[in-house]
Every structure is written in structure tokens, then in C-alpha cells.
PDB file of N, CA and C in Angstrom:
ATOM      1  N   UNK A   1      80.988 128.195  60.416  1.00  0.00           N
ATOM      2  CA  UNK A   1      80.252 129.028  60.007  1.00  0.00           C
ATOM      3  C   UNK A   1      80.017 130.299  60.170  1.00  0.00           C
ATOM      4  N   UNK A   2      79.931 131.503  59.432  1.00  0.00           N
ATOM      5  CA  UNK A   2      79.617 132.224  60.131  1.00  0.00           C
ATOM      6  C   UNK A   2      78.250 133.030  61.409  1.00  0.00           C
ATOM      7  N   UNK A   3      78.440 133.671  61.818  1.00  0.00           N
ATOM      8  CA  UNK A   3      77.928 133.919  62.336  1.00  0.00           C
ATOM      9  C   UNK A   3      76.653 134.783  62.436  1.00  0.00           C
ATOM     10  N   UNK A   4      75.317 134.811  62.845  1.00  0.00           N
ATOM     11  CA  UNK A   4      74.546 135.603  61.735  1.00  0.00           C
ATOM     12  C   UNK A   4      73.612 136.663  63.112  1.00  0.00           C
ATOM     13  N   UNK A   5      73.361 138.000  62.618  1.00  0.00           N
ATOM     14  CA  UNK A   5      72.101 138.327  63.873  1.00  0.00           C
ATOM     15  C   UNK A   5      73.147 138.843  64.811  1.00  0.00           C
ATOM     16  N   UNK A   6      74.585 139.086  64.509  1.00  0.00           N
ATOM     17  CA  UNK A   6      75.836 139.465  65.554  1.00  0.00           C
ATOM     18  C   UNK A   6      75.658 138.254  66.669  1.00  0.00           C
ATOM     19  N   UNK A   7      75.594 137.527  66.481  1.00  0.00           N
ATOM     20  CA  UNK A   7      75.972 136.509  68.005  1.00  0.00           C
ATOM     21  C   UNK A   7      77.438 136.473  67.849  1.00  0.00           C
ATOM     22  N   UNK A   8      77.628 135.636  68.935  1.00  0.00           N
ATOM     23  CA  UNK A   8      79.183 136.087  69.586  1.00  0.00           C
ATOM     24  C   UNK A   8      79.709 134.489  69.159  1.00  0.00           C
ATOM     25  N   UNK A   9      80.697 134.575  70.018  1.00  0.00           N
ATOM     26  CA  UNK A   9      81.335 133.311  69.531  1.00  0.00           C
ATOM     27  C   UNK A   9      80.844 132.380  71.522  1.00  0.00           C
ATOM     28  N   UNK A  10      80.306 131.029  70.859  1.00  0.00           N
ATOM     29  CA  UNK A  10      79.984 130.247  71.648  1.00  0.00           C
ATOM     30  C   UNK A  10      80.447 130.381  73.115  1.00  0.00           C
ATOM     31  N   UNK A  11      81.714 130.103  73.747  1.00  0.00           N
ATOM     32  CA  UNK A  11      81.976 130.377  75.522  1.00  0.00           C
ATOM     33  C   UNK A  11      81.290 131.386  75.279  1.00  0.00           C
ATOM     34  N   UNK A  12      81.355 132.917  74.808  1.00  0.00           N
ATOM     35  CA  UNK A  12      80.866 134.149  75.316  1.00  0.00           C
ATOM     36  C   UNK A  12      78.907 133.349  76.124  1.00  0.00           C
ATOM     37  N   UNK A  13      78.495 132.742  75.711  1.00  0.00           N
ATOM     38  CA  UNK A  13      77.347 132.151  76.557  1.00  0.00           C
ATOM     39  C   UNK A  13      77.563 131.558  77.142  1.00  0.00           C
ATOM     40  N   UNK A  14      79.053 130.882  77.899  1.00  0.00           N
ATOM     41  CA  UNK A  14      78.566 129.811  78.693  1.00  0.00           C
ATOM     42  C   UNK A  14      77.993 130.511  79.854  1.00  0.00           C
ATOM     43  N   UNK A  15      77.694 129.827  80.857  1.00  0.00           N
ATOM     44  CA  UNK A  15      76.544 130.188  82.460  1.00  0.00           C
ATOM     45  C   UNK A  15      76.934 129.661  83.108  1.00  0.00           C
ATOM     46  N   UNK A  16      77.759 129.014  83.044  1.00  0.00           N
ATOM     47  CA  UNK A  16      78.377 127.864  84.552  1.00  0.00           C
ATOM     48  C   UNK A  16      79.112 126.697  83.856  1.00  0.00           C
ATOM     49  N   UNK A  17      80.517 126.558  84.618  1.00  0.00           N
ATOM     50  CA  UNK A  17      80.842 125.028  83.755  1.00  0.00           C
ATOM     51  C   UNK A  17      82.343 125.351  82.862  1.00  0.00           C
ATOM     52  N   UNK A  18      82.409 124.458  82.403  1.00  0.00           N
ATOM     53  CA  UNK A  18      83.928 124.202  81.693  1.00  0.00           C
ATOM     54  C   UNK A  18      83.998 123.722  80.514  1.00  0.00           C
ATOM     55  N   UNK A  19      84.416 124.699  79.493  1.00  0.00           N
ATOM     56  CA  UNK A  19      84.103 124.485  78.390  1.00  0.00           C
ATOM     57  C   UNK A  19      84.154 122.975  77.753  1.00  0.00           C
ATOM     58  N   UNK A  20      84.277 122.110  76.935  1.00  0.00           N
ATOM     59  CA  UNK A  20      82.586 122.162  76.241  1.00  0.00           C
ATOM     60  C   UNK A  20      81.829 121.003  77.400  1.00  0.00           C
ATOM     61  N   UNK A  21      82.202 121.105  78.800  1.00  0.00           N
ATOM     62  CA  UNK A  21      80.715 121.019  79.716  1.00  0.00           C
ATOM     63  C   UNK A  21      80.116 121.623  80.449  1.00  0.00           C
ATOM     64  N   UNK A  22      79.699 122.817  79.705  1.00  0.00           N
ATOM     65  CA  UNK A  22      79.256 123.907  80.177  1.00  0.00           C
ATOM     66  C   UNK A  22      76.758 124.358  80.394  1.00  0.00           C
ATOM     67  N   UNK A  23      76.627 125.104  81.191  1.00  0.00           N
ATOM     68  CA  UNK A  23      75.304 125.183  80.535  1.00  0.00           C
ATOM     69  C   UNK A  23      75.744 126.075  80.002  1.00  0.00           C
ATOM     70  N   UNK A  24      74.321 126.785  79.303  1.00  0.00           N
ATOM     71  CA  UNK A  24      74.779 127.795  78.329  1.00  0.00           C
ATOM     72  C   UNK A  24      73.386 129.095  78.573  1.00  0.00           C
ATOM     73  N   UNK A  25      73.995 130.162  79.089  1.00  0.00           N
ATOM     74  CA  UNK A  25      73.300 131.410  79.032  1.00  0.00           C
ATOM     75  C   UNK A  25      71.755 130.721  78.623  1.00  0.00           C
ATOM     76  N   UNK A  26      70.922 131.613  79.692  1.00  0.00           N
ATOM     77  CA  UNK A  26      68.770 131.708  78.767  1.00  0.00           C
ATOM     78  C   UNK A  26      68.655 132.848  77.235  1.00  0.00           C
ATOM     79  N   UNK A  27      69.938 133.237  77.402  1.00  0.00           N
ATOM     80  CA  UNK A  27      69.827 134.089  75.913  1.00  0.00           C
ATOM     81  C   UNK A  27      70.954 133.834  75.017  1.00  0.00           C
ATOM     82  N   UNK A  28      71.489 132.659  75.070  1.00  0.00           N
ATOM     83  CA  UNK A  28      72.743 131.793  73.767  1.00  0.00           C
ATOM     84  C   UNK A  28      71.415 131.498  72.820  1.00  0.00           C
ATOM     85  N   UNK A  29      72.490 132.112  71.192  1.00  0.00           N
ATOM     86  CA  UNK A  29      71.365 131.861  70.196  1.00  0.00           C
ATOM     87  C   UNK A  29      71.814 130.384  70.143  1.00  0.00           C
ATOM     88  N   UNK A  30      70.879 129.780  68.871  1.00  0.00           N
ATOM     89  CA  UNK A  30      70.985 128.755  68.343  1.00  0.00           C
ATOM     90  C   UNK A  30      72.574 128.277  68.201  1.00  0.00           C
ATOM     91  N   UNK A  31      73.364 129.170  67.488  1.00  0.00           N
ATOM     92  CA  UNK A  31      74.264 129.563  66.911  1.00  0.00           C
ATOM     93  C   UNK A  31      75.407 128.482  68.289  1.00  0.00           C
ATOM     94  N   UNK A  32      75.048 129.470  69.686  1.00  0.00           N
ATOM     95  CA  UNK A  32      76.247 128.463  70.789  1.00  0.00           C
ATOM     96  C   UNK A  32      76.014 127.676  70.848  1.00  0.00           C
ATOM     97  N   UNK A  33      74.629 126.692  70.912  1.00  0.00           N
ATOM     98  CA  UNK A  33      74.368 125.182  70.939  1.00  0.00           C
ATOM     99  C   UNK A  33      74.856 124.472  69.695  1.00  0.00           C
ATOM    100  N   UNK A  34      74.982 125.070  68.692  1.00  0.00           N
ATOM    101  CA  UNK A  34      75.143 124.136  67.644  1.00  0.00           C
ATOM    102  C   UNK A  34      77.031 124.414  67.881  1.00  0.00           C
ATOM    103  N   UNK A  35      77.696 125.428  68.624  1.00  0.00           N
ATOM    104  CA  UNK A  35      79.070 125.303  68.648  1.00  0.00           C
ATOM    105  C   UNK A  35      79.641 124.106  69.303  1.00  0.00           C
ATOM    106  N   UNK A  36      78.710 124.266  70.985  1.00  0.00           N
ATOM    107  CA  UNK A  36      78.796 123.591  71.941  1.00  0.00           C
ATOM    108  C   UNK A  36      78.792 122.101  71.263  1.00  0.00           C
ATOM    109  N   UNK A  37      77.328 121.724  70.995  1.00  0.00           N
ATOM    110  CA  UNK A  37      77.572 119.768  70.149  1.00  0.00           C
ATOM    111  C   UNK A  37      78.433 119.993  69.153  1.00  0.00           C
ATOM    112  N   UNK A  38      79.307 120.615  68.424  1.00  0.00           N
ATOM    113  CA  UNK A  38      79.860 120.630  67.525  1.00  0.00           C
ATOM    114  C   UNK A  38      81.731 120.105  67.903  1.00  0.00           C
ATOM    115  N   UNK A  39      82.035 120.908  69.170  1.00  0.00           N
ATOM    116  CA  UNK A  39      83.487 120.982  69.744  1.00  0.00           C
ATOM    117  C   UNK A  39      82.782 119.571  70.363  1.00  0.00           C
ATOM    118  N   UNK A  40      81.945 119.076  71.099  1.00  0.00           N
ATOM    119  CA  UNK A  40      82.120 117.858  71.887  1.00  0.00           C
ATOM    120  C   UNK A  40      82.034 116.949  70.752  1.00  0.00           C
ATOM    121  N   UNK A  41      81.109 117.104  69.991  1.00  0.00           N
ATOM    122  CA  UNK A  41      81.564 115.941  68.946  1.00  0.00           C
ATOM    123  C   UNK A  41      82.728 116.018  68.007  1.00  0.00           C
ATOM    124  N   UNK A  42      83.575 116.656  67.964  1.00  0.00           N
ATOM    125  CA  UNK A  42      84.840 117.116  67.391  1.00  0.00           C
ATOM    126  C   UNK A  42      85.887 116.322  68.500  1.00  0.00           C
ATOM    127  N   UNK A  43      86.064 116.730  70.040  1.00  0.00           N
ATOM    128  CA  UNK A  43      87.061 116.138  70.756  1.00  0.00           C
ATOM    129  C   UNK A  43      86.250 114.771  70.627  1.00  0.00           C
ATOM    130  N   UNK A  44      85.351 114.128  71.141  1.00  0.00           N
ATOM    131  CA  UNK A  44      84.750 113.166  70.935  1.00  0.00           C
ATOM    132  C   UNK A  44      85.603 112.103  69.842  1.00  0.00           C
ATOM    133  N   UNK A  45      85.545 112.521  68.626  1.00  0.00           N
ATOM    134  CA  UNK A  45      85.757 111.897  67.850  1.00  0.00           C
ATOM    135  C   UNK A  45      87.526 111.674  67.392  1.00  0.00           C
ATOM    136  N   UNK A  46      88.329 112.721  67.245  1.00  0.00           N
ATOM    137  CA  UNK A  46      89.673 113.112  67.690  1.00  0.00           C
ATOM    138  C   UNK A  46      90.220 111.797  68.886  1.00  0.00           C
ATOM    139  N   UNK A  47      89.829 111.685  70.124  1.00  0.00           N
ATOM    140  CA  UNK A  47      89.698 110.870  71.359  1.00  0.00           C
ATOM    141  C   UNK A  47      89.773 109.359  70.838  1.00  0.00           C
ATOM    142  N   UNK A  48      88.795 108.948  69.715  1.00  0.00           N
ATOM    143  CA  UNK A  48      88.472 108.087  69.828  1.00  0.00           C
ATOM    144  C   UNK A  48      89.046 107.105  68.236  1.00  0.00           C
ATOM    145  N   UNK A  49      89.639 108.289  67.411  1.00  0.00           N
ATOM    146  CA  UNK A  49      90.795 108.006  66.742  1.00  0.00           C
ATOM    147  C   UNK A  49      92.034 108.508  67.030  1.00  0.00           C
ATOM    148  N   UNK A  50      92.298 108.671  68.396  1.00  0.00           N
ATOM    149  CA  UNK A  50      93.674 108.774  68.630  1.00  0.00           C
ATOM    150  C   UNK A  50      94.624 109.815  68.185  1.00  0.00           C
ATOM    151  N   UNK A  51      93.962 111.111  67.592  1.00  0.00           N
ATOM    152  CA  UNK A  51      94.132 112.228  67.167  1.00  0.00           C
ATOM    153  C   UNK A  51      94.195 113.589  67.816  1.00  0.00           C
ATOM    154  N   UNK A  52      95.299 113.001  67.487  1.00  0.00           N
ATOM    155  CA  UNK A  52      95.923 115.058  67.999  1.00  0.00           C
ATOM    156  C   UNK A  52      95.857 116.165  67.350  1.00  0.00           C
ATOM    157  N   UNK A  53      95.173 117.593  68.173  1.00  0.00           N
ATOM    158  CA  UNK A  53      95.180 118.415  67.660  1.00  0.00           C
ATOM    159  C   UNK A  53      96.073 118.616  66.146  1.00  0.00           C
ATOM    160  N   UNK A  54      97.343 118.892  66.641  1.00  0.00           N
ATOM    161  CA  UNK A  54      98.341 119.043  65.164  1.00  0.00           C
ATOM    162  C   UNK A  54      97.836 117.821  64.287  1.00  0.00           C
ATOM    163  N   UNK A  55      97.365 116.566  64.885  1.00  0.00           N
ATOM    164  CA  UNK A  55      97.717 115.385  64.084  1.00  0.00           C
ATOM    165  C   UNK A  55      96.236 115.360  63.113  1.00  0.00           C
ATOM    166  N   UNK A  56      95.271 115.979  63.713  1.00  0.00           N
ATOM    167  CA  UNK A  56      94.157 116.634  62.645  1.00  0.00           C
ATOM    168  C   UNK A  56      94.343 117.159  61.271  1.00  0.00           C
ATOM    169  N   UNK A  57      94.960 118.530  62.338  1.00  0.00           N
ATOM    170  CA  UNK A  57      94.892 119.859  61.643  1.00  0.00           C
ATOM    171  C   UNK A  57      95.752 119.529  60.055  1.00  0.00           C
ATOM    172  N   UNK A  58      96.794 118.649  60.438  1.00  0.00           N
ATOM    173  CA  UNK A  58      97.808 118.256  58.811  1.00  0.00           C
ATOM    174  C   UNK A  58      96.947 117.087  58.464  1.00  0.00           C
ATOM    175  N   UNK A  59      95.909 116.252  58.380  1.00  0.00           N
ATOM    176  CA  UNK A  59      95.190 115.502  57.569  1.00  0.00           C
ATOM    177  C   UNK A  59      94.125 116.628  57.195  1.00  0.00           C
ATOM    178  N   UNK A  60      94.031 117.516  57.795  1.00  0.00           N
ATOM    179  CA  UNK A  60      92.133 117.539  57.370  1.00  0.00           C
ATOM    180  C   UNK A  60      93.327 119.011  56.567  1.00  0.00           C
ATOM    181  N   UNK A  61      94.382 119.667  56.392  1.00  0.00           N
ATOM    182  CA  UNK A  61      94.985 120.945  56.242  1.00  0.00           C
ATOM    183  C   UNK A  61      93.831 122.172  56.719  1.00  0.00           C
ATOM    184  N   UNK A  62      93.699 122.132  57.512  1.00  0.00           N
ATOM    185  CA  UNK A  62      93.699 123.498  58.632  1.00  0.00           C
ATOM    186  C   UNK A  62      94.668 124.143  59.725  1.00  0.00           C
ATOM    187  N   UNK A  63      94.562 124.305  59.931  1.00  0.00           N
ATOM    188  CA  UNK A  63      95.613 125.810  60.609  1.00  0.00           C
ATOM    189  C   UNK A  63      95.318 125.171  62.040  1.00  0.00           C
ATOM    190  N   UNK A  64      96.201 124.542  63.016  1.00  0.00           N
ATOM    191  CA  UNK A  64      95.442 123.516  64.324  1.00  0.00           C
ATOM    192  C   UNK A  64      95.566 124.567  64.899  1.00  0.00           C
ATOM    193  N   UNK A  65      95.608 126.013  65.121  1.00  0.00           N
ATOM    194  CA  UNK A  65      95.424 127.437  66.033  1.00  0.00           C
ATOM    195  C   UNK A  65      93.263 127.078  65.318  1.00  0.00           C
ATOM    196  N   UNK A  66      92.343 127.285  64.455  1.00  0.00           N
ATOM    197  CA  UNK A  66      91.646 126.589  63.853  1.00  0.00           C
ATOM    198  C   UNK A  66      90.959 125.732  64.527  1.00  0.00           C
ATOM    199  N   UNK A  67      91.720 124.683  64.617  1.00  0.00           N
ATOM    200  CA  UNK A  67      91.216 123.947  65.123  1.00  0.00           C
ATOM    201  C   UNK A  67      91.131 123.370  67.179  1.00  0.00           C
ATOM    202  N   UNK A  68      91.818 124.019  67.651  1.00  0.00           N
ATOM    203  CA  UNK A  68      92.132 124.488  68.853  1.00  0.00           C
ATOM    204  C   UNK A  68      90.749 125.814  68.947  1.00  0.00           C
ATOM    205  N   UNK A  69      91.333 126.314  68.323  1.00  0.00           N
ATOM    206  CA  UNK A  69      89.721 127.625  68.323  1.00  0.00           C
ATOM    207  C   UNK A  69      88.415 127.131  68.423  1.00  0.00           C
ATOM    208  N   UNK A  70      87.863 126.170  67.245  1.00  0.00           N
ATOM    209  CA  UNK A  70      86.708 125.403  67.426  1.00  0.00           C
ATOM    210  C   UNK A  70      86.374 124.649  68.328  1.00  0.00           C
ATOM    211  N   UNK A  71      87.610 123.279  68.826  1.00  0.00           N
ATOM    212  CA  UNK A  71      87.596 122.853  70.189  1.00  0.00           C
ATOM    213  C   UNK A  71      86.937 123.888  71.028  1.00  0.00           C
ATOM    214  N   UNK A  72      87.250 125.136  71.636  1.00  0.00           N
ATOM    215  CA  UNK A  72      87.797 125.509  72.825  1.00  0.00           C
ATOM    216  C   UNK A  72      86.252 126.640  72.897  1.00  0.00           C
ATOM    217  N   UNK A  73      85.432 126.779  71.588  1.00  0.00           N
ATOM    218  CA  UNK A  73      84.408 127.038  71.584  1.00  0.00           C
ATOM    219  C   UNK A  73      84.671 128.899  71.364  1.00  0.00           C
ATOM    220  N   UNK A  74      85.866 129.074  70.873  1.00  0.00           N
ATOM    221  CA  UNK A  74      86.696 130.593  70.803  1.00  0.00           C
ATOM    222  C   UNK A  74      86.079 131.084  69.102  1.00  0.00           C
ATOM    223  N   UNK A  75      85.320 129.647  67.920  1.00  0.00           N
ATOM    224  CA  UNK A  75      85.163 130.514  66.719  1.00  0.00           C
ATOM    225  C   UNK A  75      83.957 129.300  66.624  1.00  0.00           C
ATOM    226  N   UNK A  76      83.241 129.325  65.412  1.00  0.00           N
ATOM    227  CA  UNK A  76      82.308 128.370  65.095  1.00  0.00           C
ATOM    228  C   UNK A  76      82.857 128.749  63.502  1.00  0.00           C
ATOM    229  N   UNK A  77      83.228 127.539  63.071  1.00  0.00           N
ATOM    230  CA  UNK A  77      84.345 126.999  61.396  1.00  0.00           C
ATOM    231  C   UNK A  77      83.365 127.841  60.516  1.00  0.00           C
ATOM    232  N   UNK A  78      83.800 128.217  59.357  1.00  0.00           N
ATOM    233  CA  UNK A  78      83.167 128.090  58.306  1.00  0.00           C
ATOM    234  C   UNK A  78      83.390 127.271  57.650  1.00  0.00           C
ATOM    235  N   UNK A  79      81.814 127.523  56.653  1.00  0.00           N
ATOM    236  CA  UNK A  79      81.688 126.155  56.070  1.00  0.00           C
ATOM    237  C   UNK A  79      83.495 124.983  54.956  1.00  0.00           C
ATOM    238  N   UNK A  80      83.846 126.043  54.687  1.00  0.00           N
ATOM    239  CA  UNK A  80      84.989 125.604  54.390  1.00  0.00           C
ATOM    240  C   UNK A  80      85.736 124.136  55.149  1.00  0.00           C
ATOM    241  N   UNK A  81      86.385 124.939  56.633  1.00  0.00           N
ATOM    242  CA  UNK A  81      86.957 124.556  57.453  1.00  0.00           C
ATOM    243  C   UNK A  81      85.978 122.923  57.562  1.00  0.00           C
ATOM    244  N   UNK A  82      84.735 123.403  58.200  1.00  0.00           N
ATOM    245  CA  UNK A  82      83.907 122.122  58.842  1.00  0.00           C
ATOM    246  C   UNK A  82      84.040 121.371  57.699  1.00  0.00           C
ATOM    247  N   UNK A  83      84.036 121.468  56.081  1.00  0.00           N
ATOM    248  CA  UNK A  83      84.089 119.822  55.160  1.00  0.00           C
ATOM    249  C   UNK A  83      85.706 119.352  54.774  1.00  0.00           C
ATOM    250  N   UNK A  84      86.812 120.139  55.200  1.00  0.00           N
ATOM    251  CA  UNK A  84      87.925 119.339  55.367  1.00  0.00           C
ATOM    252  C   UNK A  84      88.179 118.909  56.889  1.00  0.00           C
ATOM    253  N   UNK A  85      87.662 119.926  57.509  1.00  0.00           N
ATOM    254  CA  UNK A  85      87.199 118.579  58.874  1.00  0.00           C
ATOM    255  C   UNK A  85      86.731 117.278  59.276  1.00  0.00           C
ATOM    256  N   UNK A  86      85.608 117.808  58.406  1.00  0.00           N
ATOM    257  CA  UNK A  86      84.140 116.040  58.387  1.00  0.00           C
ATOM    258  C   UNK A  86      84.899 114.687  57.318  1.00  0.00           C
ATOM    259  N   UNK A  87      85.983 115.517  56.203  1.00  0.00           N
ATOM    260  CA  UNK A  87      86.290 114.507  55.003  1.00  0.00           C
ATOM    261  C   UNK A  87      87.928 113.824  56.376  1.00  0.00           C
ATOM    262  N   UNK A  88      88.036 114.839  56.645  1.00  0.00           N
ATOM    263  CA  UNK A  88      89.508 114.104  57.576  1.00  0.00           C
ATOM    264  C   UNK A  88      88.637 113.411  58.417  1.00  0.00           C
ATOM    265  N   UNK A  89      87.961 112.964  59.027  1.00  0.00           N
ATOM    266  CA  UNK A  89      87.735 112.319  60.201  1.00  0.00           C
ATOM    267  C   UNK A  89      87.023 111.067  59.574  1.00  0.00           C
ATOM    268  N   UNK A  90      85.979 111.216  58.540  1.00  0.00           N
ATOM    269  CA  UNK A  90      85.034 110.800  57.931  1.00  0.00           C
ATOM    270  C   UNK A  90      83.954 110.359  58.445  1.00  0.00           C
ATOM    271  N   UNK A  91      84.130 111.428  58.772  1.00  0.00           N
ATOM    272  CA  UNK A  91      82.171 111.778  60.216  1.00  0.00           C
ATOM    273  C   UNK A  91      81.823 113.162  59.738  1.00  0.00           C
ATOM    274  N   UNK A  92      80.272 113.228  59.979  1.00  0.00           N
ATOM    275  CA  UNK A  92      79.877 114.589  59.985  1.00  0.00           C
ATOM    276  C   UNK A  92      79.701 115.112  61.606  1.00  0.00           C
ATOM    277  N   UNK A  93      80.510 116.648  61.398  1.00  0.00           N
ATOM    278  CA  UNK A  93      80.335 117.148  62.492  1.00  0.00           C
ATOM    279  C   UNK A  93      79.178 118.003  62.747  1.00  0.00           C
ATOM    280  N   UNK A  94      78.793 118.281  61.554  1.00  0.00           N
ATOM    281  CA  UNK A  94      77.583 119.514  62.026  1.00  0.00           C
ATOM    282  C   UNK A  94      76.281 118.458  62.773  1.00  0.00           C
ATOM    283  N   UNK A  95      75.952 119.110  63.363  1.00  0.00           N
ATOM    284  CA  UNK A  95      74.637 118.758  64.265  1.00  0.00           C
ATOM    285  C   UNK A  95      73.361 118.768  63.874  1.00  0.00           C
ATOM    286  N   UNK A  96      72.762 119.803  62.602  1.00  0.00           N
ATOM    287  CA  UNK A  96      71.865 119.480  62.078  1.00  0.00           C
ATOM    288  C   UNK A  96      71.369 120.457  63.638  1.00  0.00           C
ATOM    289  N   UNK A  97      69.741 121.191  62.385  1.00  0.00           N
ATOM    290  CA  UNK A  97      68.767 121.952  63.436  1.00  0.00           C
ATOM    291  C   UNK A  97      68.408 120.614  64.337  1.00  0.00           C
ATOM    292  N   UNK A  98      68.256 119.372  64.033  1.00  0.00           N
ATOM    293  CA  UNK A  98      67.318 118.511  65.042  1.00  0.00           C
ATOM    294  C   UNK A  98      68.022 118.276  66.542  1.00  0.00           C
ATOM    295  N   UNK A  99      69.243 118.884  66.012  1.00  0.00           N
ATOM    296  CA  UNK A  99      70.563 117.888  67.334  1.00  0.00           C
ATOM    297  C   UNK A  99      70.148 119.821  67.829  1.00  0.00           C
ATOM    298  N   UNK A 100      70.263 120.813  67.114  1.00  0.00           N
ATOM    299  CA  UNK A 100      70.250 121.815  68.352  1.00  0.00           C
ATOM    300  C   UNK A 100      69.372 122.097  69.019  1.00  0.00           C
ATOM    301  N   UNK A 101      68.217 121.959  67.930  1.00  0.00           N
ATOM    302  CA  UNK A 101      66.869 122.597  68.891  1.00  0.00           C
ATOM    303  C   UNK A 101      66.648 121.622  70.285  1.00  0.00           C
ATOM    304  N   UNK A 102      67.050 119.856  70.020  1.00  0.00           N
ATOM    305  CA  UNK A 102      67.175 119.579  70.892  1.00  0.00           C
ATOM    306  C   UNK A 102      67.885 119.683  72.246  1.00  0.00           C
ATOM    307  N   UNK A 103      68.744 120.048  71.627  1.00  0.00           N
ATOM    308  CA  UNK A 103      69.565 120.731  72.745  1.00  0.00           C
ATOM    309  C   UNK A 103      69.012 121.797  73.562  1.00  0.00           C
ATOM    310  N   UNK A 104      68.819 122.494  73.139  1.00  0.00           N
ATOM    311  CA  UNK A 104      67.982 123.766  73.369  1.00  0.00           C
ATOM    312  C   UNK A 104      66.539 123.445  74.605  1.00  0.00           C
ATOM    313  N   UNK A 105      65.820 122.466  73.691  1.00  0.00           N
ATOM    314  CA  UNK A 105      65.048 122.181  74.584  1.00  0.00           C
ATOM    315  C   UNK A 105      65.582 121.316  76.217  1.00  0.00           C
ATOM    316  N   UNK A 106      66.220 120.242  75.748  1.00  0.00           N
ATOM    317  CA  UNK A 106      67.253 119.899  76.778  1.00  0.00           C
ATOM    318  C   UNK A 106      67.188 120.902  77.771  1.00  0.00           C
ATOM    319  N   UNK A 107      68.021 122.385  77.477  1.00  0.00           N
ATOM    320  CA  UNK A 107      68.175 123.220  78.547  1.00  0.00           C
ATOM    321  C   UNK A 107      66.636 123.977  78.960  1.00  0.00           C
ATOM    322  N   UNK A 108      65.159 123.402  78.377  1.00  0.00           N
ATOM    323  CA  UNK A 108      64.346 124.139  79.300  1.00  0.00           C
ATOM    324  C   UNK A 108      63.378 125.092  79.042  1.00  0.00           C
ATOM    325  N   UNK A 109      64.628 125.649  77.350  1.00  0.00           N
ATOM    326  CA  UNK A 109      64.712 126.834  77.108  1.00  0.00           C
ATOM    327  C   UNK A 109      63.290 126.560  76.176  1.00  0.00           C
ATOM    328  N   UNK A 110      62.406 127.842  75.478  1.00  0.00           N
ATOM    329  CA  UNK A 110      61.708 127.667  74.185  1.00  0.00           C
ATOM    330  C   UNK A 110      61.850 127.480  73.138  1.00  0.00           C
ATOM    331  N   UNK A 111      61.761 126.738  71.877  1.00  0.00           N
ATOM    332  CA  UNK A 111      62.114 126.866  70.999  1.00  0.00           C
ATOM    333  C   UNK A 111      61.747 127.222  69.814  1.00  0.00           C
ATOM    334  N   UNK A 112      61.999 128.471  68.939  1.00  0.00           N
ATOM    335  CA  UNK A 112      61.167 129.603  67.936  1.00  0.00           C
ATOM    336  C   UNK A 112      61.377 128.826  66.446  1.00  0.00           C
TER     337      UNK A 112
END
């Protein structure tokens, strides 16, 4: 998904920890939380399905470097990439607004 309001890539907002087991900075935008939840779910789904990075990339028809960048928090996927990944995995990766807001609230931040 394209970033809006000049949001940086999700990894930029890490306050502590190693991606994706991190605490985000207090000024992290909702897009950073979305990227974090998406990366965690993508990693978990790949492990459950026994899929390697290159294996998923081949099935989804995306570059393995793109999958790696999503997993590493270096980028938010665009809608086409997200759709191809979800179709290949037969699993919804997009966390949606409720999950993102719950993650923000769990960090003790106020959700606007």
C-alpha cells in the first residue's frame, strides 16, 4: 500500500527490539502498525505452510526481494502485491482497521 502523509517504511519507527518483535515509537503512524502486523502474519503463515521466501514468491508471481522487504519492514506492499500474496497463501494478510487500532491501543497510545 502506498504510504500517505509522508509516512516512512514501518522499520523506520522501531523504538526497540528486532523486527518483527518490536516496540514501535510513540509517533509511529497507523501504517507502521499495519506493516508490523502484516509482516508478523506473513512470517507465521509462511512457516505454517512450509513455504520459503523464494517458494512463496514463485507461487505469488512477485519478486522474492519484494517478499523479503515486506517481511523485514522495509516496505508496505502495494495492493497488487498484497492481493497476489493473499491469493497464493489462501489467507488474508491485510489486518484491517480493527486489528491495527487494537495494536496501537495495546501499546498504550490513544487512537484518533
